[in-house]
Amino acid sequence: MHRLLKTILFFVLLITSNAIQAYDFVVNGIFFKKIDSKTVEVTYENARSSFGRSVYSSDYSGNIFIPSTIAFGTDNYTVVSIGDHAFSSCNYLSSVVIPSTVRTIGEEAFSDCKSMKSVKIPNSVLNIGKSAFAGSGITSFSVPNLLKVIKENTFKDCP
């Protein structure tokens, strides 16, 4: 019986704290994931499962400037997306400068960023994912000229 309890506890711990690296490389403290050989998206540091729910984590804080292009090794990449959950729950994130190369802002990309009060979305953004700014401190928002899709709950529970 004691052995069975140890085995069950081991699997519970494995399931509730299984960390998954979500990025391919880091440049100037920003995590990037390759989309293809020429483009990348900003992403989060890691994800873990906690009681059947995914928890995303990064330590982004302060003012973040995302460049339009980055070099890593011998390759150059264009930043075209803010990925799903990229800045999710970054409570000390004040602002993010999004480059004009970004076309998509993913699901919950800035959700629960309580310190973010405003964001300027460049005109290049065509799609904003579900709950992208939900629960954040956003009180001001500029709508991009070319915006085609804005999913549900984008600003849910904002002030």
Protein backbone atom coordinates (compact mmCIF):
# COMPACT_ATOMS: atom_id res chain seq x y z
CA MET A 1 0.00 0.00 0.00
CA HIS A 2 2.84 2.40 0.89
CA ARG A 3 4.47 1.72 -2.47
CA LEU A 4 1.19 2.41 -4.28
CA LEU A 5 0.86 5.79 -2.53
CA LYS A 6 4.41 6.72 -3.52
CA THR A 7 3.68 5.82 -7.14
CA ILE A 8 0.46 7.83 -7.18
CA LEU A 9 2.20 10.83 -5.60
CA PHE A 10 4.98 10.62 -8.18
CA PHE A 11 2.49 10.73 -11.07
CA VAL A 12 0.50 13.56 -9.49
CA LEU A 13 3.68 15.63 -9.17
CA LEU A 14 4.68 14.75 -12.72
CA ILE A 15 1.30 15.84 -14.09
CA THR A 16 1.02 19.02 -12.02
CA SER A 17 4.49 20.43 -12.67
CA ASN A 18 5.53 19.24 -16.11
CA ALA A 19 7.41 22.22 -17.60
CA ILE A 20 7.62 22.57 -21.38
CA GLN A 21 10.05 24.95 -23.02
CA ALA A 22 8.15 27.11 -25.51
CA TYR A 23 10.96 28.96 -27.27
CA ASP A 24 13.75 28.29 -29.72
CA PHE A 25 16.08 31.08 -28.61
CA VAL A 26 16.38 34.25 -26.52
CA VAL A 27 17.62 37.62 -27.77
CA ASN A 28 17.93 40.58 -25.37
CA GLY A 29 15.70 38.87 -22.82
CA ILE A 30 12.85 38.20 -25.29
CA PHE A 31 11.84 34.62 -26.07
CA PHE A 32 11.33 33.73 -29.74
CA LYS A 33 9.88 30.71 -31.51
CA LYS A 34 10.62 30.03 -35.17
CA ILE A 35 7.64 30.00 -37.48
CA ASP A 36 9.74 29.18 -40.54
CA SER A 37 13.28 29.85 -41.78
CA LYS A 38 12.69 33.63 -42.03
CA THR A 39 10.07 34.53 -39.40
CA VAL A 40 9.56 34.27 -35.64
CA GLU A 41 6.98 35.04 -33.00
CA VAL A 42 7.47 36.36 -29.50
CA THR A 43 6.58 33.66 -27.01
CA TYR A 44 6.69 32.77 -23.30
CA GLU A 45 9.51 31.06 -21.42
CA ASN A 46 7.75 27.85 -20.47
CA ALA A 47 4.43 26.20 -19.73
CA ARG A 48 3.50 23.66 -17.14
CA SER A 49 0.43 21.72 -16.32
CA SER A 50 -1.11 22.35 -12.95
CA PHE A 51 -4.11 20.23 -12.01
CA GLY A 52 -5.16 19.87 -15.63
CA ARG A 53 -4.74 23.58 -16.46
CA SER A 54 -1.86 25.04 -18.46
CA VAL A 55 0.10 27.78 -16.70
CA TYR A 56 2.38 29.98 -18.82
CA SER A 57 5.29 31.87 -17.37
CA SER A 58 7.75 34.57 -18.30
CA ASP A 59 9.45 37.24 -16.28
CA TYR A 60 8.83 40.10 -18.66
CA SER A 61 8.65 43.38 -16.76
CA GLY A 62 9.05 47.11 -17.28
CA ASN A 63 9.07 48.52 -20.81
CA ILE A 64 9.70 46.01 -23.58
CA PHE A 65 10.82 47.00 -27.06
CA ILE A 66 10.33 44.28 -29.65
CA PRO A 67 12.55 44.81 -32.70
CA SER A 68 11.16 44.21 -36.19
CA THR A 69 14.09 41.96 -37.08
CA ILE A 70 16.51 39.94 -35.00
CA ALA A 71 19.74 38.12 -35.65
CA PHE A 72 20.47 34.79 -34.03
CA GLY A 73 23.62 32.94 -34.95
CA THR A 74 24.10 33.48 -38.66
CA ASP A 75 20.37 33.89 -39.38
CA ASN A 76 18.12 36.95 -39.53
CA TYR A 77 14.42 36.74 -38.73
CA THR A 78 11.44 39.06 -39.08
CA VAL A 79 9.14 39.28 -36.04
CA VAL A 80 5.60 38.73 -37.41
CA SER A 81 3.57 37.64 -34.39
CA ILE A 82 3.04 38.03 -30.67
CA GLY A 83 2.27 34.41 -29.84
CA ASP A 84 -0.50 32.94 -27.70
CA HIS A 85 0.18 33.64 -23.99
CA ALA A 86 3.46 35.46 -24.80
CA PHE A 87 3.13 38.05 -22.02
CA SER A 88 0.30 36.44 -20.07
CA SER A 89 0.27 37.26 -16.34
CA CYS A 90 3.33 39.52 -16.48
CA ASN A 91 2.17 41.68 -13.58
CA TYR A 92 5.10 44.09 -13.78
CA LEU A 93 4.97 44.71 -17.52
CA SER A 94 4.42 48.45 -18.06
CA SER A 95 4.45 48.73 -21.85
CA VAL A 96 5.39 46.93 -25.03
CA VAL A 97 6.43 48.54 -28.29
CA ILE A 98 5.12 46.31 -31.07
CA PRO A 99 6.92 46.63 -34.42
CA SER A 100 5.12 47.31 -37.70
CA THR A 101 6.13 43.85 -38.95
CA VAL A 102 3.68 42.14 -36.56
CA ARG A 103 0.51 40.84 -38.25
CA THR A 104 -1.02 38.80 -35.42
CA ILE A 105 -1.51 39.11 -31.67
CA GLY A 106 -2.33 35.69 -30.26
CA GLU A 107 -4.82 34.39 -27.71
CA GLU A 108 -4.30 35.75 -24.19
CA ALA A 109 -1.06 37.39 -25.38
CA PHE A 110 -1.32 40.19 -22.78
CA SER A 111 -3.99 38.76 -20.49
CA ASP A 112 -3.70 39.62 -16.80
CA CYS A 113 -0.92 42.20 -17.34
CA LYS A 114 -2.28 44.41 -14.56
CA SER A 115 0.35 47.17 -14.90
CA MET A 116 -0.22 47.76 -18.63
CA LYS A 117 -2.48 50.78 -19.04
CA SER A 118 -2.30 51.46 -22.77
CA VAL A 119 -1.04 49.82 -25.91
CA LYS A 120 -0.49 51.11 -29.42
CA ILE A 121 -1.19 48.42 -31.93
CA PRO A 122 0.57 49.10 -35.26
CA ASN A 123 -1.51 49.34 -38.42
CA SER A 124 0.14 46.14 -39.67
CA VAL A 125 -1.88 43.98 -37.23
CA LEU A 126 -4.64 42.10 -39.03
CA ASN A 127 -5.78 39.70 -36.30
CA ILE A 128 -6.14 39.92 -32.52
CA GLY A 129 -6.79 36.63 -30.75
CA LYS A 130 -9.36 35.65 -28.14
CA SER A 131 -8.89 37.32 -24.74
CA ALA A 132 -5.67 38.98 -25.95
CA PHE A 133 -5.87 41.77 -23.32
CA ALA A 134 -8.43 40.25 -20.93
CA GLY A 135 -7.88 41.13 -17.28
CA SER A 136 -5.11 43.59 -18.11
CA GLY A 137 -4.93 47.19 -16.94
CA ILE A 138 -5.66 48.53 -20.44
CA THR A 139 -7.75 51.71 -20.39
CA SER A 140 -6.70 53.04 -23.81
CA PHE A 141 -6.50 51.28 -27.15
CA SER A 142 -5.94 52.43 -30.72
CA VAL A 143 -7.57 50.37 -33.46
CA PRO A 144 -5.28 49.49 -36.38
CA ASN A 145 -6.53 50.63 -39.81
CA LEU A 146 -6.21 47.18 -41.40
CA LEU A 147 -7.60 45.13 -38.50
CA LYS A 148 -9.75 42.33 -39.95
CA VAL A 149 -10.40 40.05 -36.99
CA ILE A 150 -10.79 40.80 -33.31
CA LYS A 151 -11.87 37.74 -31.35
CA GLU A 152 -14.25 37.57 -28.41
CA ASN A 153 -13.36 38.70 -24.90
CA THR A 154 -10.39 40.75 -26.12
CA PHE A 155 -10.85 43.35 -23.37
CA LYS A 156 -12.90 41.32 -20.89
CA ASP A 157 -12.44 42.47 -17.27
CA CYS A 158 -10.39 45.53 -18.20
CA PRO A 159 -11.01 48.74 -16.22
